[in-house]
Protein backbone atom coordinates (compact mmCIF):
# COMPACT_ATOMS: atom_id res chain seq x y z
CA MET A 1 90.10 124.87 118.36
CA HIS A 2 86.67 123.44 117.58
CA LEU A 3 85.40 124.12 121.38
CA LEU A 4 86.97 127.55 121.45
CA ALA A 5 85.10 128.73 118.60
CA THR A 6 82.01 127.11 119.72
CA SER A 7 82.07 129.15 123.25
CA THR A 8 83.13 132.27 121.62
CA GLN A 9 79.92 132.12 119.32
CA ARG A 10 77.94 131.05 122.70
CA ASN A 11 79.04 134.11 124.38
CA LEU A 12 78.44 136.48 121.58
CA GLY A 13 74.83 134.88 121.11
CA MET A 14 74.03 135.35 124.75
CA ALA A 15 75.19 139.10 125.04
CA ILE A 16 72.90 139.89 122.04
CA ALA A 17 70.38 138.23 123.71
CA VAL A 18 70.53 139.80 126.88
CA VAL A 19 70.74 143.20 124.99
CA ALA A 20 67.71 142.63 123.48
CA ILE A 21 65.76 141.48 126.24
CA VAL A 22 66.82 144.57 128.43
CA GLY A 23 65.70 146.80 125.37
CA PHE A 24 62.43 145.31 125.13
CA ALA A 25 61.75 145.58 128.76
CA VAL A 26 62.83 149.05 128.57
CA TYR A 27 60.42 149.71 126.01
CA LEU A 28 57.74 148.03 127.60
CA ILE A 29 57.96 150.00 130.88
CA TYR A 30 58.52 153.63 128.66
CA ASN A 31 55.22 152.96 126.72
CA VAL A 32 52.96 150.92 128.97
CA LEU A 33 53.26 152.58 132.14
CA TRP A 34 54.51 156.22 131.31
CA ALA A 35 53.92 157.03 127.37
CA GLY A 36 50.44 155.15 127.05
CA ARG A 37 47.30 157.00 127.32
CA ALA A 38 43.58 156.63 127.13
CA GLU A 39 41.87 157.82 123.71
CA LYS A 40 38.56 158.35 122.57
CA GLY A 41 37.30 157.06 119.09
CA SER A 42 34.18 158.13 117.33
CA GLU A 43 31.09 156.86 118.36
CA LEU A 44 28.83 155.03 116.10
CA ASP A 45 25.25 153.87 116.57
CA LEU A 46 25.15 149.83 116.43
CA ALA A 47 23.44 148.01 113.45
CA PRO A 48 20.31 146.32 114.78
CA ASN A 49 21.74 143.07 113.38
CA ARG A 50 25.07 143.39 115.35
CA LYS A 51 26.14 142.40 118.47
CA PRO A 52 27.94 144.90 120.80
CA TYR A 53 31.39 144.83 120.36
CA LEU A 54 34.34 146.47 122.00
CA SER A 55 34.48 150.35 122.02
CA ASP A 56 36.56 152.47 120.22
CA GLU A 57 38.70 153.22 123.50
CA GLN A 58 39.18 149.22 124.05
CA LEU A 59 40.06 148.69 120.52
CA GLU A 60 42.49 151.66 120.31
CA THR A 61 44.12 151.35 123.91
CA SER A 62 43.76 147.93 125.39
CA LYS A 63 43.18 145.70 122.10
CA LEU A 64 45.61 147.70 119.79
CA ASP A 65 48.38 147.64 122.23
CA LEU A 66 48.21 143.82 122.75
CA ALA A 67 48.13 143.02 119.15
CA LEU A 68 51.30 145.17 118.37
CA VAL A 69 53.09 144.20 121.68
CA SER A 70 52.69 140.54 120.43
CA GLY A 71 53.60 141.42 117.06
CA LEU A 72 56.90 143.29 118.65
CA VAL A 73 57.64 140.24 120.88
CA THR A 74 57.58 138.22 117.67
CA LEU A 75 59.84 140.01 115.80
CA VAL A 76 62.44 140.48 118.82
CA ILE A 77 62.24 136.57 119.30
CA ILE A 78 62.53 136.37 115.45
CA GLY A 79 65.48 139.14 115.44
CA VAL A 80 67.44 137.45 118.47
CA ALA A 81 66.83 133.76 117.49
CA LEU A 82 68.11 134.24 113.71
CA PRO A 83 71.15 135.26 114.49
CA LEU A 84 71.77 132.81 117.67
CA TYR A 85 70.81 130.14 115.28
CA TRP A 86 73.42 131.36 112.62
CA LEU A 87 75.87 131.77 115.09
CA GLY A 88 75.47 128.23 116.09
CA GLU A 89 75.97 126.86 112.83
CA PRO A 90 79.70 125.91 112.77
CA GLY A 91 79.20 124.14 115.97
CA ARG A 92 76.55 121.86 114.81
CA GLN A 93 78.30 121.27 111.55
CA GLN A 94 81.10 120.11 113.51
CA GLY A 95 79.12 118.19 115.75
CA TYR A 96 77.62 116.51 112.93
CA LEU A 97 81.07 115.60 111.80
CA GLU A 98 82.24 114.10 114.86
CA TYR A 99 78.85 112.35 115.16
CA SER A 100 79.18 111.05 111.31
CA ARG A 101 82.81 110.18 112.26
CA GLU A 102 81.77 108.18 115.17
CA GLN A 103 79.23 106.33 113.13
CA PHE A 104 81.25 105.47 110.52
CA THR A 105 84.25 104.50 112.79
CA GLY A 106 81.79 102.21 114.51
CA ARG A 107 80.64 100.18 111.61
CA GLY A 108 83.66 100.08 109.91
CA ALA A 109 85.18 98.62 113.37
CA GLY A 110 82.81 95.85 112.78
CA LEU A 111 83.48 95.28 109.18
CA TYR A 112 87.45 95.26 109.98
CA GLU A 113 87.07 92.79 112.50
CA GLU A 114 84.64 90.44 110.54
CA SER A 115 86.56 90.53 107.16
CA CYS A 116 90.24 92.09 107.87
CA SER A 117 91.86 91.31 111.16
CA SER A 118 92.23 87.21 110.30
CA CYS A 119 95.12 88.98 108.23
CA HIS A 120 96.15 92.10 109.63
CA GLY A 121 95.36 91.54 113.01
CA GLY A 122 93.41 93.15 116.09
CA GLY A 123 93.53 96.84 115.70
CA GLY A 124 95.11 96.96 112.42
CA LEU A 125 98.94 95.64 114.05
CA GLY A 126 99.79 93.48 111.35
CA GLY A 127 99.73 89.49 111.16
CA THR A 128 100.16 86.70 108.83
CA THR A 129 97.77 84.92 106.19
CA ASP A 130 98.29 81.41 104.55
CA HIS A 131 99.53 81.88 100.67
CA THR A 132 100.46 79.87 98.14
CA ILE A 133 102.85 80.79 94.92
CA ALA A 134 102.30 79.86 91.87
CA ASP A 135 104.56 79.81 88.77
CA ASP A 136 103.48 81.83 85.28
CA ASN A 137 101.23 79.06 84.19
CA GLY A 138 99.22 78.84 87.44
CA ASN A 139 101.07 75.76 88.92
CA PHE A 140 101.65 75.19 92.57
CA VAL A 141 105.25 76.03 93.58
CA ALA A 142 105.01 76.36 97.54
CA ALA A 143 103.00 77.35 100.71
CA ILE A 144 104.06 80.10 102.76
CA LYS A 145 102.69 82.16 105.61
CA TRP A 146 102.21 86.02 104.27
CA GLU A 147 103.37 88.45 106.62
CA ALA A 148 100.28 90.91 106.03
CA PRO A 149 101.61 94.85 106.74
CA ALA A 150 100.11 96.73 109.93
CA LEU A 151 97.54 99.28 108.61
CA THR A 152 98.38 102.13 111.18
CA THR A 153 100.36 104.11 108.85
CA THR A 154 98.18 103.38 105.73
CA LEU A 155 97.29 107.03 105.34
CA TYR A 156 100.47 108.54 105.42
CA ARG A 157 101.54 106.47 102.60
CA PHE A 158 98.67 106.02 100.44
CA SER A 159 95.98 108.54 99.62
CA GLU A 160 91.94 107.48 100.25
CA GLU A 161 91.55 106.97 96.70
CA GLU A 162 94.60 104.32 96.38
CA VAL A 163 93.43 103.00 99.63
CA ARG A 164 89.77 102.70 98.07
CA HIS A 165 91.29 101.35 94.96
CA ILE A 166 92.93 98.74 97.02
CA LEU A 167 89.79 97.63 98.73
CA ASP A 168 87.80 97.42 95.49
CA TYR A 169 90.48 95.54 93.39
CA GLY A 170 92.71 93.73 95.70
CA ARG A 171 96.67 94.00 95.46
CA PRO A 172 97.51 91.07 93.28
CA PRO A 173 99.94 88.94 93.56
CA THR A 174 99.69 89.35 97.20
CA PRO A 175 96.86 87.60 99.28
CA MET A 176 95.17 90.94 99.45
CA GLN A 177 91.71 90.26 97.59
CA ALA A 178 89.04 92.62 96.13
CA TRP A 179 86.75 93.28 98.73
CA GLY A 180 84.75 96.09 96.96
CA LEU A 181 81.58 95.58 94.34
CA PRO A 182 83.85 97.06 91.62
CA GLY A 183 86.37 94.17 91.65
CA GLY A 184 83.52 91.74 92.62
CA GLY A 185 83.84 91.83 96.26
CA PRO A 186 80.91 91.54 98.95
CA LEU A 187 81.31 95.22 100.34
CA THR A 188 79.34 98.07 99.23
CA SER A 189 81.03 101.88 98.34
CA GLN A 190 79.63 102.49 101.79
CA GLN A 191 81.21 99.68 103.91
CA VAL A 192 84.55 100.73 102.10
CA ASP A 193 84.06 104.17 103.00
CA GLU A 194 83.46 103.40 106.50
CA LEU A 195 86.28 100.89 106.29
CA ILE A 196 88.48 103.88 105.40
CA GLN A 197 87.05 105.79 108.42
CA TYR A 198 88.19 103.17 110.57
CA ILE A 199 91.48 102.87 109.06
CA GLN A 200 92.00 106.74 109.67
CA SER A 201 90.99 106.17 113.17
CA ILE A 202 93.97 104.29 114.25
CA GLN A 203 96.67 105.81 112.60
CA LEU A 204 99.31 106.52 114.57
CA SER A 205 100.80 109.88 115.42
CA PRO A 206 103.97 111.43 113.75
CA GLU A 207 106.18 110.69 117.05
CA GLN A 208 104.66 106.97 117.00
CA VAL A 209 105.71 106.81 113.82
CA GLN A 210 109.17 107.80 113.79
CA GLY A 211 109.38 105.99 117.25
CA GLU A 212 108.59 102.93 115.20
CA VAL A 213 110.91 103.56 112.31
CA MET A 214 113.72 103.94 114.77
CA ASP A 215 112.42 100.90 116.85
CA GLY A 216 113.58 98.91 113.46
CA LEU A 217 116.68 100.11 112.85
CA VAL A 218 117.72 99.50 116.60
CA ALA A 219 116.27 96.03 116.56
CA GLN A 220 118.38 95.45 113.01
CA VAL A 221 121.54 96.78 114.72
CA ARG A 222 120.99 95.02 117.98
CA SER A 223 123.40 92.20 117.56
CA ASP A 224 126.23 94.45 116.21
CA VAL A 225 125.76 96.70 119.07
CA ARG A 226 126.12 94.08 121.60
CA ALA A 227 128.99 92.30 120.03
CA ALA A 228 130.72 96.06 120.18
CA ASN A 229 129.55 96.27 123.95
CA PRO A 230 130.37 93.08 125.60
CA GLU A 231 130.45 94.47 128.82
CA LEU A 232 126.99 95.66 128.59
CA ALA A 233 125.55 92.57 127.01
CA ALA A 234 126.82 90.43 130.16
CA ARG A 235 125.05 92.59 132.27
CA LEU A 236 121.87 92.63 130.48
CA ASP A 237 121.94 88.67 130.16
CA ALA A 238 122.61 88.72 133.92
CA ALA A 239 119.75 90.80 134.82
CA ALA A 240 117.56 88.77 132.14
CA ALA A 241 118.70 85.91 134.08
CA ALA A 242 118.07 87.15 137.43
CA VAL A 243 114.38 88.10 136.67
CA ALA A 244 113.92 84.40 135.15
CA THR A 245 115.32 82.85 138.60
CA ALA A 246 113.77 85.38 140.91
CA GLY A 247 110.96 83.18 141.59
CA PRO A 248 108.37 83.94 143.95
CA ASP A 249 110.47 86.90 145.50
CA GLU A 250 108.51 89.89 143.93
CA ALA A 251 110.99 92.11 145.48
CA ALA A 252 113.98 90.63 144.00
CA ALA A 253 112.09 89.97 140.81
CA GLU A 254 111.08 93.83 140.28
CA ALA A 255 114.55 95.13 140.97
CA ALA A 256 115.71 92.74 138.43
CA ALA A 257 113.22 94.11 136.20
CA ARG A 258 114.17 97.42 136.63
CA GLU A 259 117.96 96.77 135.76
CA VAL A 260 116.85 94.98 132.88
CA ALA A 261 114.87 98.15 131.75
CA ALA A 262 117.88 100.81 132.53
CA LEU A 263 120.31 98.30 130.47
CA GLU A 264 117.64 97.95 127.62
CA GLN A 265 117.72 101.97 127.64
CA GLU A 266 121.16 102.18 127.79
CA LEU A 267 121.86 99.70 124.80
CA ARG A 268 119.15 101.42 122.69
CA GLU A 269 121.33 104.95 123.36
CA ALA A 270 124.25 103.25 122.51
CA SER A 271 122.33 101.50 119.10
CA GLU A 272 121.23 104.86 118.31
CA GLN A 273 124.53 106.27 118.47
CA TYR A 274 125.86 103.65 116.29
CA ILE A 275 123.03 104.36 113.68
CA ARG A 276 124.35 108.25 113.70
CA SER A 277 128.01 107.18 112.98
CA LEU A 278 127.19 104.88 109.88
CA ALA A 279 127.89 106.23 106.43
CA PRO A 280 124.75 107.29 104.60
CA ALA A 281 124.40 104.71 102.47
CA ASP A 282 124.95 101.86 105.26
CA ARG A 283 122.01 104.15 107.23
CA GLY A 284 119.96 103.32 103.93
CA GLU A 285 120.51 99.84 103.91
CA LEU A 286 119.10 99.46 107.31
CA LEU A 287 116.01 101.94 106.28
CA PHE A 288 115.78 100.01 103.03
CA ASP A 289 115.45 96.91 105.21
CA ASN A 290 113.13 98.26 107.80
CA GLY A 291 109.77 96.21 107.14
CA VAL A 292 106.87 98.24 106.46
CA TYR A 293 108.68 101.35 106.97
CA GLY A 294 111.42 100.66 104.29
CA CYS A 295 111.46 99.45 100.48
CA ALA A 296 112.56 95.75 100.79
CA ARG A 297 108.92 94.50 101.71
CA CYS A 298 107.74 95.36 97.95
CA HIS A 299 111.40 95.40 96.00
CA THR A 300 112.76 92.15 97.46
CA PRO A 301 111.92 88.82 96.82
CA ARG A 302 110.21 86.92 99.66
CA ASP A 303 110.81 89.93 102.37
CA SER A 304 107.14 89.79 102.88
CA TRP A 305 107.29 86.21 103.68
CA GLN A 306 107.35 84.95 107.28
CA PHE A 307 108.25 81.45 106.76
CA THR A 308 106.77 79.45 109.76
CA GLY A 309 106.55 75.86 108.74
CA PRO A 310 108.59 72.95 109.26
CA GLU A 311 112.16 72.42 107.89
CA VAL A 312 111.58 71.08 104.01
CA THR A 313 112.26 67.66 102.80
CA PRO A 314 112.41 67.67 99.09
CA GLY A 315 110.08 65.82 97.37
CA ALA A 316 107.64 65.23 100.63
CA GLY A 317 104.50 66.74 99.51
CA PRO A 318 103.77 70.51 99.73
CA VAL A 319 106.63 72.81 100.23
CA VAL A 320 106.55 75.13 103.02
CA LEU A 321 109.60 77.53 103.27
CA GLU A 322 111.00 78.43 106.73
CA ARG A 323 113.36 81.37 107.23
CA GLY A 324 116.86 80.20 108.16
CA SER A 325 116.40 76.65 107.25
CA GLY A 326 119.45 75.08 105.80
CA ALA A 327 116.81 72.97 103.57
CA GLU A 328 115.75 76.28 101.81
CA ALA A 329 118.33 76.41 99.23
CA GLU A 330 118.19 73.00 98.61
CA THR A 331 114.37 73.60 98.31
CA ILE A 332 114.87 76.39 95.96
CA ALA A 333 117.11 74.36 93.88
CA GLN A 334 114.59 71.58 93.64
CA LEU A 335 111.97 74.24 92.17
CA GLY A 336 114.30 74.97 89.38
CA GLY A 337 114.68 78.49 90.40
CA LEU A 338 111.00 79.46 90.71
CA ILE A 339 111.55 81.06 93.97
CA PRO A 340 114.43 83.87 93.19
CA ALA A 341 117.06 84.35 95.60
CA ASP A 342 116.85 87.28 98.43
CA ILE A 343 118.65 90.02 96.63
CA SER A 344 118.18 93.12 98.06
CA GLY A 345 116.07 95.47 95.62
CA GLY A 346 116.18 92.61 93.35
CA GLY A 347 112.54 92.74 92.65
CA GLY A 348 109.17 91.16 94.44
CA PHE A 349 105.81 93.31 94.40
CA GLY A 350 107.63 96.14 93.18
CA PRO A 351 110.16 96.16 90.13
CA ASN A 352 114.14 94.99 90.38
CA LEU A 353 115.88 98.12 91.47
CA THR A 354 119.47 96.64 90.95
CA ASN A 355 121.78 96.74 88.14
CA GLY A 356 121.78 100.34 87.72
CA ALA A 357 117.90 100.49 87.26
CA THR A 358 117.51 103.61 89.49
CA LEU A 359 120.49 105.30 87.82
CA ARG A 360 118.81 105.15 84.32
CA GLN A 361 115.94 105.89 86.14
CA PHE A 362 116.84 109.26 87.64
CA ASP A 363 119.59 111.39 86.49
CA SER A 364 120.04 113.09 90.22
CA ALA A 365 119.62 112.01 93.75
CA GLU A 366 117.33 114.91 94.10
CA GLY A 367 114.68 113.60 91.51
CA HIS A 368 115.50 110.33 93.42
CA ALA A 369 114.38 111.56 96.33
CA SER A 370 111.49 113.50 95.30
CA PHE A 371 110.02 110.30 94.16
CA ILE A 372 110.72 108.29 97.18
CA ALA A 373 109.05 111.29 99.29
CA ILE A 374 106.10 111.65 96.72
CA GLY A 375 105.41 108.49 95.57
CA SER A 376 103.08 107.52 92.12
CA GLN A 377 100.67 109.34 90.84
CA GLU A 378 97.95 108.41 88.40
CA GLY A 379 99.03 109.85 85.11
CA VAL A 380 102.09 111.71 86.58
CA GLY A 381 105.31 110.67 85.10
CA TYR A 382 108.37 110.15 86.95
CA GLY A 383 111.99 109.84 86.45
CA ASN A 384 113.31 109.50 82.39
CA PHE A 385 110.75 106.90 81.43
CA GLY A 386 108.24 106.40 84.89
CA GLN A 387 104.19 106.91 84.37
CA GLY A 388 102.15 106.41 87.31
CA ASP A 389 99.42 104.51 87.13
CA GLY A 390 97.72 105.14 90.10
CA GLY A 391 96.13 102.35 92.75
CA GLY A 392 98.55 102.80 95.02
CA GLN A 393 101.45 101.03 93.29
CA MET A 394 104.55 102.86 95.03
CA PRO A 395 103.62 104.74 98.18
CA ALA A 396 104.65 107.83 99.23
CA PHE A 397 107.16 108.04 102.32
CA GLY A 398 108.13 111.61 102.63
CA ILE A 399 104.99 113.25 102.94
CA CYS A 400 101.31 112.21 104.09
CA VAL A 401 99.21 111.87 101.14
CA GLY A 402 95.99 110.85 102.89
CA ASP A 403 94.00 113.85 101.59
CA ARG A 404 95.66 113.51 97.82
CA ASP A 405 92.91 112.89 95.76
CA SER A 406 90.00 113.61 97.88
CA GLY A 407 88.68 116.23 95.66
CA GLU A 408 85.31 117.69 97.12
CA ARG A 409 84.66 114.90 99.26
CA SER A 410 83.53 115.38 102.65
CA PRO A 411 85.83 116.63 105.37
CA ILE A 412 85.00 113.56 107.47
CA TYR A 413 87.26 111.69 105.58
CA GLY A 414 90.40 114.63 106.31
CA PHE A 415 93.48 113.04 107.81
CA CYS A 416 96.47 115.08 107.01
CA ILE A 417 95.64 118.40 107.45
CA THR A 418 95.24 118.61 111.45
CA GLU A 419 92.52 120.25 113.50
CA ASP A 420 94.97 123.33 114.07
CA GLY A 421 95.67 123.85 110.42
CA GLY A 422 98.92 121.95 110.42
CA THR A 423 99.77 118.96 108.06
CA ARG A 424 101.17 115.97 108.96
CA PRO A 425 104.57 115.06 108.23
CA GLY A 426 106.00 111.76 105.96
CA MET A 427 106.71 108.76 107.63
CA LEU A 428 110.33 109.37 106.85
CA THR A 429 112.60 112.50 107.01
CA ASP A 430 114.15 114.24 104.34
CA ALA A 431 117.67 113.15 105.87
CA GLN A 432 116.36 109.39 106.17
CA ILE A 433 115.22 109.34 102.51
CA ALA A 434 118.46 110.99 101.43
CA ASP A 435 120.06 107.89 103.07
CA ILE A 436 117.88 105.64 101.05
CA VAL A 437 118.97 107.29 97.89
CA ALA A 438 122.60 106.76 99.08
CA TYR A 439 122.01 103.52 99.44
CA GLU A 440 120.60 102.75 96.26
CA ARG A 441 122.79 104.52 94.15
CA SER A 442 125.86 102.87 95.83
CA GLU A 443 128.07 100.65 93.85
CA GLU A 444 127.40 98.03 95.87
CA PHE A 445 123.38 98.12 95.31
CA ASN A 446 124.00 98.16 91.55
CA LEU A 447 125.50 95.43 91.00
CA PRO A 448 124.14 92.45 88.80
CA ALA A 449 121.77 90.64 91.07
CA ALA A 450 123.71 87.25 89.77
CA VAL A 451 127.11 88.57 91.21
CA PRO A 452 128.11 86.31 94.09
CA GLY A 453 127.89 87.95 97.65
CA ARG A 454 124.93 90.28 96.17
CA GLY A 455 122.33 89.07 98.59
CA SER A 456 121.03 90.76 101.26
């Protein structure tokens, strides 16, 4: 769109220039060749102390004509150049913004690789970092691997000011430390701005976001769909085995790989159909547990932990938890319950949502869904007794909020408003948020956390 506008302005400026040049040429031809005539001036005696100067005929014809023509040429140049300069201003402004974005993005990429990639992975695709859990008194409880989220949807969920707040002050009790000067970190405000610009440059498109949301749902139901389609599962296993045993036979390996891809697509279609067939609350449970695109990451204990350590031997030094390990329950018992059980929605970084908490907070499903869509805003109340405190405590899942709170900041930071004037959607659709609300307001979800079988 900007290229089209710039091209139109350039064409209009060229047209004005051509008209001005042709008009000036006509003027010269008419006045110099046709309308000009020699004129005689008065004759004066030259004073003794003066040198002879040009005659009146020369002063009032060629000299005067040259001065007038020079002045006219200057006026024409000014008259044409100023509109042309004005017409090119939008293009220059856009070019400056693009240049500034490139400069900020390049510097931000360097800062990211130096300071952030060790946790969040190359390109902001996510990673893990060592972390320790402490009790309320600061005593060591366990060593874990914290799963740092991908940053490729950050500006869908958080406004620029919220991202800046997190970078400045960190996000306790997670491993996210303060990086900005206001929180005691090493980065200046401009470096934080450069990091935000780099984060903007790696954001996924809305289509990619919805694709990744569905990928997470499909991964959760894969085993159930395979069990419901044993013939398809057997064919897929056989094709995968054929790939593994093809050896140096490239033709056989390629044919087996094509078969695997076709069967995987068939399994995905069956999985999507299975997801669509579920009751809203059941789909909502899948969406709730869907990693960075869901709610469990903050609202379910230990959902952000990726346990990769060895199995635990109680009493054998530092505790390193491993997901799925039979020793985990024993370790939790040994720690005296300091590490809570995995109760879906039982509280983690975010508050406990179970035992009727959401029903007390929101009288209606509509108000509940609206809060999930918009997220918390500083100074804005929500529900019956909620008060947003800023800093990105509750992300927005239903609308893109990257530009919210940006005020009069330079459009170099704009994200949610697209180049064609449209607005990016949120990470989740209205229907998906309605499914999450159905799950969070269901009887099963609102059982007390201590009820046997209440775990996720």
